[in-house]
């Protein structure tokens, strides 16, 4: 089915659930696993009071922490994963990573780490789903708590992921 998977992470609860789901799939399928975290480019909405270099350092540190946690979970499941921190527009960088690694599917959390993004399906996820040329698995981690990637999942449990086809 899938020989390679890309998991996009930002450290949010949903991204953590997506990590567990992606690692579980990679383990079950014997698939190659990749992880990406994106440091979002400065936007016109950024607060001019915040030092852009400090903001970049903080965001890069958070992205590196997210990927370190991803790598630890993958190693715990006996999976080797290649990871990268990218800078830019999140959905564009996620799609570029999928192209670069030629993955068969992308796994993302339903919502990002910001308060606003937690209220709705994340705008990054929406753009990934709309523009991806391969399957995108959207994982909703709300109410999931700690997810054990080694646990066998019930095939009939539709609450773990939401399929979106972009139409």
N, C-alpha and C. Protein backbone atom coordinates (compact mmCIF):
# COMPACT_ATOMS: atom_id res chain seq x y z
N UNK A 1 0.83 -1.19 0.00
CA UNK A 1 0.00 0.00 0.00
C UNK A 1 0.88 1.25 0.00
N UNK A 2 1.57 1.53 1.11
CA UNK A 2 2.48 2.67 1.18
C UNK A 2 3.88 2.15 1.47
N UNK A 3 4.83 2.54 0.64
CA UNK A 3 6.22 2.15 0.87
C UNK A 3 7.00 3.23 1.60
N UNK A 4 6.45 4.46 1.61
CA UNK A 4 7.12 5.56 2.32
C UNK A 4 6.08 6.57 2.78
N UNK A 5 6.33 7.13 3.97
CA UNK A 5 5.40 8.08 4.59
C UNK A 5 6.16 9.30 5.07
N UNK A 6 5.53 10.46 4.95
CA UNK A 6 6.05 11.70 5.51
C UNK A 6 5.11 12.15 6.62
N UNK A 7 5.65 12.39 7.81
CA UNK A 7 4.87 12.94 8.91
C UNK A 7 5.31 14.38 9.10
N UNK A 8 4.35 15.31 9.06
CA UNK A 8 4.64 16.72 9.33
C UNK A 8 4.28 16.98 10.79
N UNK A 9 5.18 17.62 11.52
CA UNK A 9 4.93 17.85 12.93
C UNK A 9 5.23 19.29 13.32
N UNK A 10 4.45 19.79 14.27
CA UNK A 10 4.72 21.11 14.86
C UNK A 10 4.69 21.03 16.38
N UNK A 11 4.63 19.83 16.91
CA UNK A 11 4.62 19.66 18.36
C UNK A 11 3.25 19.75 19.00
N UNK A 12 2.21 20.06 18.23
CA UNK A 12 0.86 20.17 18.78
C UNK A 12 0.33 18.79 19.16
N UNK A 13 -0.77 18.76 19.90
CA UNK A 13 -1.37 17.48 20.28
C UNK A 13 -1.75 16.66 19.04
N UNK A 14 -2.33 17.32 18.05
CA UNK A 14 -2.72 16.60 16.84
C UNK A 14 -1.50 16.09 16.07
N UNK A 15 -0.42 16.88 16.06
CA UNK A 15 0.81 16.43 15.39
C UNK A 15 1.41 15.24 16.13
N UNK A 16 1.29 15.23 17.45
CA UNK A 16 1.78 14.10 18.24
C UNK A 16 0.97 12.84 17.90
N UNK A 17 -0.34 13.00 17.76
CA UNK A 17 -1.19 11.87 17.35
C UNK A 17 -0.85 11.43 15.93
N UNK A 18 -0.57 12.40 15.04
CA UNK A 18 -0.18 12.06 13.67
C UNK A 18 1.15 11.31 13.66
N UNK A 19 2.07 11.72 14.53
CA UNK A 19 3.35 11.02 14.66
C UNK A 19 3.13 9.56 15.04
N UNK A 20 2.31 9.35 16.06
CA UNK A 20 2.02 7.98 16.51
C UNK A 20 1.37 7.16 15.39
N UNK A 21 0.43 7.79 14.69
CA UNK A 21 -0.27 7.09 13.61
C UNK A 21 0.71 6.76 12.47
N UNK A 22 1.53 7.73 12.09
CA UNK A 22 2.49 7.51 11.01
C UNK A 22 3.52 6.44 11.36
N UNK A 23 4.00 6.47 12.59
CA UNK A 23 4.97 5.46 13.03
C UNK A 23 4.31 4.08 13.05
N UNK A 24 3.09 4.02 13.54
CA UNK A 24 2.36 2.76 13.55
C UNK A 24 2.17 2.20 12.15
N UNK A 25 1.78 3.07 11.22
CA UNK A 25 1.62 2.64 9.82
C UNK A 25 2.94 2.17 9.23
N UNK A 26 3.99 2.95 9.45
CA UNK A 26 5.30 2.57 8.91
C UNK A 26 5.74 1.22 9.47
N UNK A 27 5.49 1.01 10.74
CA UNK A 27 5.84 -0.26 11.37
C UNK A 27 5.03 -1.41 10.78
N UNK A 28 3.73 -1.21 10.68
CA UNK A 28 2.85 -2.26 10.14
C UNK A 28 3.15 -2.59 8.68
N UNK A 29 3.50 -1.56 7.91
CA UNK A 29 3.69 -1.74 6.46
C UNK A 29 5.14 -1.95 6.05
N UNK A 30 6.06 -1.78 6.99
CA UNK A 30 7.47 -1.85 6.64
C UNK A 30 7.89 -0.70 5.74
N UNK A 31 7.23 0.46 5.93
CA UNK A 31 7.47 1.62 5.07
C UNK A 31 8.62 2.48 5.59
N UNK A 32 9.27 3.18 4.67
CA UNK A 32 10.27 4.18 5.04
C UNK A 32 9.53 5.34 5.69
N UNK A 33 10.19 6.01 6.64
CA UNK A 33 9.54 7.08 7.38
C UNK A 33 10.39 8.34 7.34
N UNK A 34 9.71 9.46 7.10
CA UNK A 34 10.36 10.76 7.06
C UNK A 34 9.57 11.72 7.94
N UNK A 35 10.26 12.70 8.50
CA UNK A 35 9.58 13.71 9.32
C UNK A 35 10.05 15.10 8.93
N UNK A 36 9.11 16.04 8.94
CA UNK A 36 9.46 17.42 8.63
C UNK A 36 8.75 18.35 9.61
N UNK A 37 9.46 19.40 10.01
CA UNK A 37 8.89 20.48 10.80
C UNK A 37 9.25 21.77 10.07
N UNK A 38 8.32 22.69 10.02
CA UNK A 38 8.53 23.92 9.24
C UNK A 38 8.52 25.13 10.16
N UNK A 39 9.56 25.95 10.03
CA UNK A 39 9.62 27.24 10.70
C UNK A 39 8.95 28.23 9.77
N UNK A 40 7.80 28.72 10.19
CA UNK A 40 7.01 29.60 9.32
C UNK A 40 7.73 30.91 9.06
N UNK A 41 7.72 31.33 7.80
CA UNK A 41 8.31 32.60 7.40
C UNK A 41 7.61 33.75 8.11
N UNK A 42 8.34 34.81 8.28
CA UNK A 42 7.76 36.01 8.88
C UNK A 42 6.63 36.52 7.99
N UNK A 43 5.52 36.93 8.62
CA UNK A 43 4.38 37.43 7.87
C UNK A 43 4.13 38.89 8.21
N UNK A 44 3.27 39.51 7.44
CA UNK A 44 2.93 40.92 7.69
C UNK A 44 2.19 41.09 9.02
N UNK A 45 1.68 39.99 9.59
CA UNK A 45 0.94 40.07 10.83
C UNK A 45 1.82 39.94 12.06
N UNK A 46 3.10 39.66 11.86
CA UNK A 46 4.01 39.53 13.00
C UNK A 46 4.11 40.86 13.74
N UNK A 47 4.28 40.76 15.02
CA UNK A 47 4.39 41.93 15.87
C UNK A 47 5.77 42.55 15.69
N UNK A 48 5.81 43.83 15.35
CA UNK A 48 7.08 44.52 15.11
C UNK A 48 7.91 44.64 16.38
N UNK A 49 7.31 44.46 17.54
CA UNK A 49 8.03 44.57 18.81
C UNK A 49 8.96 43.37 19.02
N UNK A 50 8.60 42.24 18.47
CA UNK A 50 9.39 41.02 18.65
C UNK A 50 10.59 41.04 17.71
N UNK A 51 11.76 40.75 18.24
CA UNK A 51 12.97 40.68 17.44
C UNK A 51 12.87 39.50 16.48
N UNK A 52 12.95 39.74 15.17
CA UNK A 52 12.79 38.66 14.19
C UNK A 52 13.82 37.54 14.36
N UNK A 53 15.04 37.89 14.74
CA UNK A 53 16.06 36.85 14.93
C UNK A 53 15.73 35.97 16.13
N UNK A 54 15.25 36.60 17.19
CA UNK A 54 14.86 35.83 18.38
C UNK A 54 13.67 34.93 18.06
N UNK A 55 12.71 35.47 17.32
CA UNK A 55 11.54 34.69 16.91
C UNK A 55 11.98 33.47 16.09
N UNK A 56 12.89 33.70 15.15
CA UNK A 56 13.41 32.61 14.31
C UNK A 56 14.09 31.54 15.16
N UNK A 57 14.92 31.98 16.12
CA UNK A 57 15.61 31.02 17.00
C UNK A 57 14.62 30.20 17.81
N UNK A 58 13.60 30.87 18.36
CA UNK A 58 12.59 30.17 19.17
C UNK A 58 11.80 29.17 18.33
N UNK A 59 11.38 29.59 17.14
CA UNK A 59 10.61 28.70 16.28
C UNK A 59 11.47 27.52 15.79
N UNK A 60 12.71 27.80 15.45
CA UNK A 60 13.61 26.73 15.00
C UNK A 60 13.86 25.75 16.15
N UNK A 61 14.05 26.27 17.36
CA UNK A 61 14.24 25.40 18.52
C UNK A 61 13.04 24.50 18.75
N UNK A 62 11.83 25.07 18.63
CA UNK A 62 10.60 24.28 18.80
C UNK A 62 10.49 23.22 17.71
N UNK A 63 10.84 23.58 16.47
CA UNK A 63 10.79 22.62 15.36
C UNK A 63 11.78 21.49 15.59
N UNK A 64 12.98 21.83 16.04
CA UNK A 64 13.99 20.80 16.31
C UNK A 64 13.54 19.89 17.45
N UNK A 65 12.91 20.47 18.48
CA UNK A 65 12.38 19.66 19.59
C UNK A 65 11.30 18.70 19.10
N UNK A 66 10.41 19.19 18.23
CA UNK A 66 9.35 18.34 17.67
C UNK A 66 9.93 17.16 16.91
N UNK A 67 10.95 17.44 16.11
CA UNK A 67 11.57 16.37 15.33
C UNK A 67 12.39 15.42 16.20
N UNK A 68 12.97 15.95 17.28
CA UNK A 68 13.69 15.07 18.20
C UNK A 68 12.73 14.08 18.85
N UNK A 69 11.55 14.58 19.26
CA UNK A 69 10.53 13.70 19.85
C UNK A 69 10.05 12.69 18.81
N UNK A 70 9.86 13.13 17.58
CA UNK A 70 9.47 12.24 16.48
C UNK A 70 10.51 11.13 16.32
N UNK A 71 11.78 11.51 16.28
CA UNK A 71 12.86 10.54 16.11
C UNK A 71 12.93 9.55 17.25
N UNK A 72 12.74 10.03 18.48
CA UNK A 72 12.75 9.14 19.65
C UNK A 72 11.63 8.11 19.56
N UNK A 73 10.45 8.57 19.18
CA UNK A 73 9.31 7.64 19.06
C UNK A 73 9.55 6.63 17.94
N UNK A 74 10.13 7.08 16.85
CA UNK A 74 10.42 6.16 15.74
C UNK A 74 11.44 5.11 16.18
N UNK A 75 12.51 5.56 16.84
CA UNK A 75 13.53 4.62 17.32
C UNK A 75 12.95 3.62 18.31
N UNK A 76 12.04 4.09 19.17
CA UNK A 76 11.40 3.20 20.14
C UNK A 76 10.59 2.11 19.43
N UNK A 77 10.12 2.42 18.22
CA UNK A 77 9.36 1.44 17.43
C UNK A 77 10.27 0.68 16.46
N UNK A 78 11.59 0.85 16.63
CA UNK A 78 12.58 0.18 15.78
C UNK A 78 12.51 0.63 14.33
N UNK A 79 12.23 1.92 14.12
CA UNK A 79 12.15 2.48 12.77
C UNK A 79 13.19 3.59 12.65
N UNK A 80 13.91 3.58 11.54
CA UNK A 80 14.84 4.65 11.25
C UNK A 80 14.10 5.70 10.43
N UNK A 81 14.21 6.94 10.85
CA UNK A 81 13.50 8.02 10.15
C UNK A 81 14.48 9.12 9.78
N UNK A 82 14.31 9.65 8.59
CA UNK A 82 15.08 10.82 8.16
C UNK A 82 14.22 12.04 8.43
N UNK A 83 14.84 13.12 8.95
CA UNK A 83 14.08 14.31 9.30
C UNK A 83 14.74 15.57 8.74
N UNK A 84 13.93 16.63 8.67
CA UNK A 84 14.45 17.93 8.22
C UNK A 84 13.61 19.05 8.81
N UNK A 85 14.30 20.13 9.19
CA UNK A 85 13.63 21.37 9.55
C UNK A 85 13.73 22.26 8.33
N UNK A 86 12.60 22.78 7.89
CA UNK A 86 12.55 23.66 6.73
C UNK A 86 12.03 25.03 7.17
N UNK A 87 12.36 26.05 6.42
CA UNK A 87 11.84 27.40 6.67
C UNK A 87 11.05 27.84 5.46
N UNK A 88 9.90 28.47 5.72
CA UNK A 88 9.08 28.96 4.62
C UNK A 88 7.62 28.88 4.94
N UNK A 89 6.82 28.80 3.90
CA UNK A 89 5.37 28.66 4.03
C UNK A 89 5.10 27.18 4.34
N UNK A 90 4.47 26.89 5.49
CA UNK A 90 4.37 25.49 5.93
C UNK A 90 3.85 24.50 4.90
N UNK A 91 2.71 24.80 4.27
CA UNK A 91 2.17 23.79 3.35
C UNK A 91 3.09 23.59 2.14
N UNK A 92 3.71 24.66 1.68
CA UNK A 92 4.63 24.54 0.54
C UNK A 92 5.84 23.70 0.90
N UNK A 93 6.36 23.89 2.10
CA UNK A 93 7.54 23.13 2.53
C UNK A 93 7.20 21.66 2.78
N UNK A 94 6.01 21.39 3.30
CA UNK A 94 5.57 20.01 3.51
C UNK A 94 5.46 19.30 2.16
N UNK A 95 4.83 19.96 1.20
CA UNK A 95 4.68 19.37 -0.13
C UNK A 95 6.03 19.21 -0.83
N UNK A 96 6.93 20.17 -0.63
CA UNK A 96 8.27 20.06 -1.22
C UNK A 96 9.03 18.88 -0.61
N UNK A 97 8.87 18.67 0.69
CA UNK A 97 9.52 17.52 1.34
C UNK A 97 8.95 16.22 0.80
N UNK A 98 7.64 16.18 0.60
CA UNK A 98 7.01 14.98 0.03
C UNK A 98 7.57 14.68 -1.36
N UNK A 99 7.76 15.73 -2.15
CA UNK A 99 8.34 15.56 -3.49
C UNK A 99 9.80 15.12 -3.40
N UNK A 100 10.57 15.79 -2.55
CA UNK A 100 12.00 15.51 -2.43
C UNK A 100 12.24 14.05 -2.03
N UNK A 101 11.45 13.57 -1.05
CA UNK A 101 11.63 12.20 -0.58
C UNK A 101 10.78 11.20 -1.36
N UNK A 102 9.96 11.69 -2.28
CA UNK A 102 9.10 10.85 -3.13
C UNK A 102 8.26 9.88 -2.30
N UNK A 103 7.60 10.44 -1.27
CA UNK A 103 6.78 9.60 -0.39
C UNK A 103 5.45 9.26 -1.04
N UNK A 104 4.87 8.18 -0.56
CA UNK A 104 3.58 7.72 -1.09
C UNK A 104 2.40 8.41 -0.43
N UNK A 105 2.58 8.89 0.81
CA UNK A 105 1.48 9.54 1.54
C UNK A 105 2.06 10.49 2.58
N UNK A 106 1.23 11.46 2.96
CA UNK A 106 1.59 12.46 3.96
C UNK A 106 0.65 12.28 5.14
N UNK A 107 1.21 12.34 6.36
CA UNK A 107 0.41 12.23 7.58
C UNK A 107 0.56 13.54 8.35
N UNK A 108 -0.58 14.18 8.65
CA UNK A 108 -0.57 15.47 9.36
C UNK A 108 -1.62 15.46 10.47
N UNK A 109 -1.41 16.31 11.46
CA UNK A 109 -2.42 16.52 12.49
C UNK A 109 -3.48 17.47 11.97
N UNK A 110 -4.70 17.33 12.48
CA UNK A 110 -5.82 18.12 11.99
C UNK A 110 -5.69 19.61 12.28
N UNK A 111 -5.07 19.96 13.39
CA UNK A 111 -4.94 21.36 13.78
C UNK A 111 -3.51 21.64 14.20
N UNK A 112 -3.09 22.88 14.01
CA UNK A 112 -1.75 23.29 14.40
C UNK A 112 -1.66 23.68 15.86
N UNK A 113 -0.55 24.30 16.20
CA UNK A 113 -0.28 24.59 17.60
C UNK A 113 -0.83 25.93 18.08
N UNK A 114 -1.27 26.81 17.20
CA UNK A 114 -1.77 28.10 17.67
C UNK A 114 -3.21 27.97 18.16
N UNK A 115 -3.62 28.87 19.04
CA UNK A 115 -4.98 28.85 19.58
C UNK A 115 -6.01 28.96 18.45
N UNK A 116 -5.76 29.88 17.52
CA UNK A 116 -6.70 30.07 16.42
C UNK A 116 -6.81 28.80 15.58
N UNK A 117 -5.67 28.22 15.26
CA UNK A 117 -5.67 27.03 14.41
C UNK A 117 -6.31 25.84 15.10
N UNK A 118 -6.30 25.83 16.44
CA UNK A 118 -6.92 24.71 17.14
C UNK A 118 -8.43 24.73 17.00
N UNK A 119 -9.01 25.89 16.71
CA UNK A 119 -10.46 26.01 16.64
C UNK A 119 -11.04 25.35 15.39
N UNK A 120 -10.30 25.32 14.33
CA UNK A 120 -10.78 24.82 13.03
C UNK A 120 -9.78 23.82 12.47
N UNK A 121 -10.17 23.19 11.38
CA UNK A 121 -9.19 22.41 10.65
C UNK A 121 -8.11 23.39 10.24
N UNK A 122 -6.87 23.10 10.54
CA UNK A 122 -5.79 24.04 10.30
C UNK A 122 -5.68 24.47 8.85
N UNK A 123 -5.32 25.73 8.66
CA UNK A 123 -5.17 26.26 7.30
C UNK A 123 -4.02 25.57 6.57
N UNK A 124 -2.97 25.21 7.30
CA UNK A 124 -1.86 24.48 6.68
C UNK A 124 -2.34 23.13 6.18
N UNK A 125 -3.09 22.42 7.03
CA UNK A 125 -3.61 21.10 6.65
C UNK A 125 -4.53 21.23 5.45
N UNK A 126 -5.39 22.23 5.48
CA UNK A 126 -6.30 22.45 4.36
C UNK A 126 -5.52 22.62 3.06
N UNK A 127 -4.47 23.43 3.09
CA UNK A 127 -3.67 23.66 1.88
C UNK A 127 -2.92 22.40 1.46
N UNK A 128 -2.40 21.64 2.41
CA UNK A 128 -1.72 20.39 2.07
C UNK A 128 -2.69 19.46 1.35
N UNK A 129 -3.89 19.32 1.91
CA UNK A 129 -4.90 18.44 1.32
C UNK A 129 -5.27 18.92 -0.08
N UNK A 130 -5.46 20.22 -0.25
CA UNK A 130 -5.89 20.76 -1.54
C UNK A 130 -4.85 20.61 -2.64
N UNK A 131 -3.58 20.78 -2.27
CA UNK A 131 -2.54 20.83 -3.29
C UNK A 131 -1.70 19.56 -3.42
N UNK A 132 -1.89 18.61 -2.54
CA UNK A 132 -1.09 17.37 -2.58
C UNK A 132 -1.48 16.53 -3.79
N UNK A 133 -0.50 15.87 -4.35
CA UNK A 133 -0.74 14.97 -5.48
C UNK A 133 -0.61 13.51 -5.03
N UNK A 134 -0.82 13.29 -3.73
CA UNK A 134 -0.76 11.96 -3.15
C UNK A 134 -1.71 11.92 -1.95
N UNK A 135 -2.02 10.77 -1.41
CA UNK A 135 -2.93 10.71 -0.26
C UNK A 135 -2.40 11.48 0.95
N UNK A 136 -3.32 12.12 1.65
CA UNK A 136 -3.00 12.83 2.89
C UNK A 136 -3.88 12.24 3.99
N UNK A 137 -3.27 11.76 5.05
CA UNK A 137 -4.00 11.24 6.19
C UNK A 137 -4.02 12.32 7.25
N UNK A 138 -5.21 12.77 7.63
CA UNK A 138 -5.37 13.83 8.62
C UNK A 138 -5.80 13.18 9.93
N UNK A 139 -4.98 13.35 10.96
CA UNK A 139 -5.21 12.69 12.24
C UNK A 139 -5.67 13.71 13.27
N UNK A 140 -6.79 13.41 13.91
CA UNK A 140 -7.34 14.27 14.96
C UNK A 140 -6.96 13.69 16.31
N UNK A 141 -6.12 14.39 17.03
CA UNK A 141 -5.65 13.89 18.32
C UNK A 141 -6.48 14.34 19.49
N UNK A 142 -7.55 15.09 19.26
CA UNK A 142 -8.36 15.62 20.36
C UNK A 142 -8.95 14.48 21.18
N UNK A 143 -8.69 14.53 22.47
CA UNK A 143 -9.23 13.52 23.37
C UNK A 143 -8.48 12.21 23.33
N UNK A 144 -7.40 12.16 22.58
CA UNK A 144 -6.66 10.90 22.45
C UNK A 144 -5.73 10.65 23.61
N UNK A 145 -5.23 11.74 24.25
CA UNK A 145 -4.28 11.55 25.34
C UNK A 145 -2.99 10.96 24.79
N UNK A 146 -2.35 10.12 25.57
CA UNK A 146 -1.11 9.48 25.15
C UNK A 146 -1.44 8.37 24.17
N UNK A 147 -0.83 8.39 23.04
CA UNK A 147 -1.09 7.38 22.02
C UNK A 147 0.10 6.43 21.98
N UNK A 148 -0.17 5.13 22.05
CA UNK A 148 0.88 4.13 21.98
C UNK A 148 0.95 3.62 20.55
N UNK A 149 2.05 3.95 19.86
CA UNK A 149 2.15 3.57 18.46
C UNK A 149 2.31 2.07 18.27
N UNK A 150 2.62 1.32 19.32
CA UNK A 150 2.77 -0.13 19.20
C UNK A 150 1.46 -0.86 19.45
N UNK A 151 0.46 -0.12 19.86
CA UNK A 151 -0.84 -0.71 20.16
C UNK A 151 -1.57 -1.04 18.86
N UNK A 152 -2.21 -2.18 18.79
CA UNK A 152 -3.01 -2.51 17.60
C UNK A 152 -4.25 -1.66 17.60
N UNK A 153 -4.51 -1.02 16.47
CA UNK A 153 -5.67 -0.16 16.37
C UNK A 153 -6.85 -0.93 15.81
N UNK A 154 -8.02 -0.60 16.29
CA UNK A 154 -9.25 -1.21 15.79
C UNK A 154 -9.51 -0.65 14.40
N UNK A 155 -9.60 -1.50 13.40
CA UNK A 155 -9.80 -1.04 12.02
C UNK A 155 -11.10 -0.28 11.85
N UNK A 156 -12.06 -0.48 12.73
CA UNK A 156 -13.35 0.19 12.60
C UNK A 156 -13.41 1.48 13.38
N UNK A 157 -12.33 1.90 14.00
CA UNK A 157 -12.33 3.11 14.82
C UNK A 157 -12.04 4.31 13.94
N UNK A 158 -13.09 4.96 13.47
CA UNK A 158 -12.95 6.09 12.54
C UNK A 158 -12.57 7.37 13.24
N UNK A 159 -12.54 7.41 14.57
CA UNK A 159 -12.23 8.64 15.29
C UNK A 159 -10.75 8.98 15.25
N UNK A 160 -9.88 8.05 14.87
CA UNK A 160 -8.46 8.30 14.87
C UNK A 160 -7.99 9.17 13.72
N UNK A 161 -8.67 9.13 12.59
CA UNK A 161 -8.25 9.94 11.46
C UNK A 161 -9.47 10.36 10.65
N UNK A 162 -9.28 11.46 9.94
CA UNK A 162 -10.35 12.00 9.13
C UNK A 162 -9.84 12.07 7.70
N UNK A 163 -10.55 11.46 6.77
CA UNK A 163 -10.15 11.53 5.37
C UNK A 163 -10.77 12.74 4.70
N UNK A 164 -9.97 13.49 3.97
CA UNK A 164 -10.46 14.66 3.25
C UNK A 164 -9.94 14.57 1.83
N UNK A 165 -10.82 14.71 0.85
CA UNK A 165 -10.36 14.59 -0.53
C UNK A 165 -10.21 15.94 -1.23
N UNK A 166 -10.53 17.04 -0.56
CA UNK A 166 -10.31 18.35 -1.13
C UNK A 166 -11.36 18.82 -2.12
N UNK A 167 -12.43 18.05 -2.34
CA UNK A 167 -13.46 18.49 -3.28
C UNK A 167 -14.55 19.25 -2.58
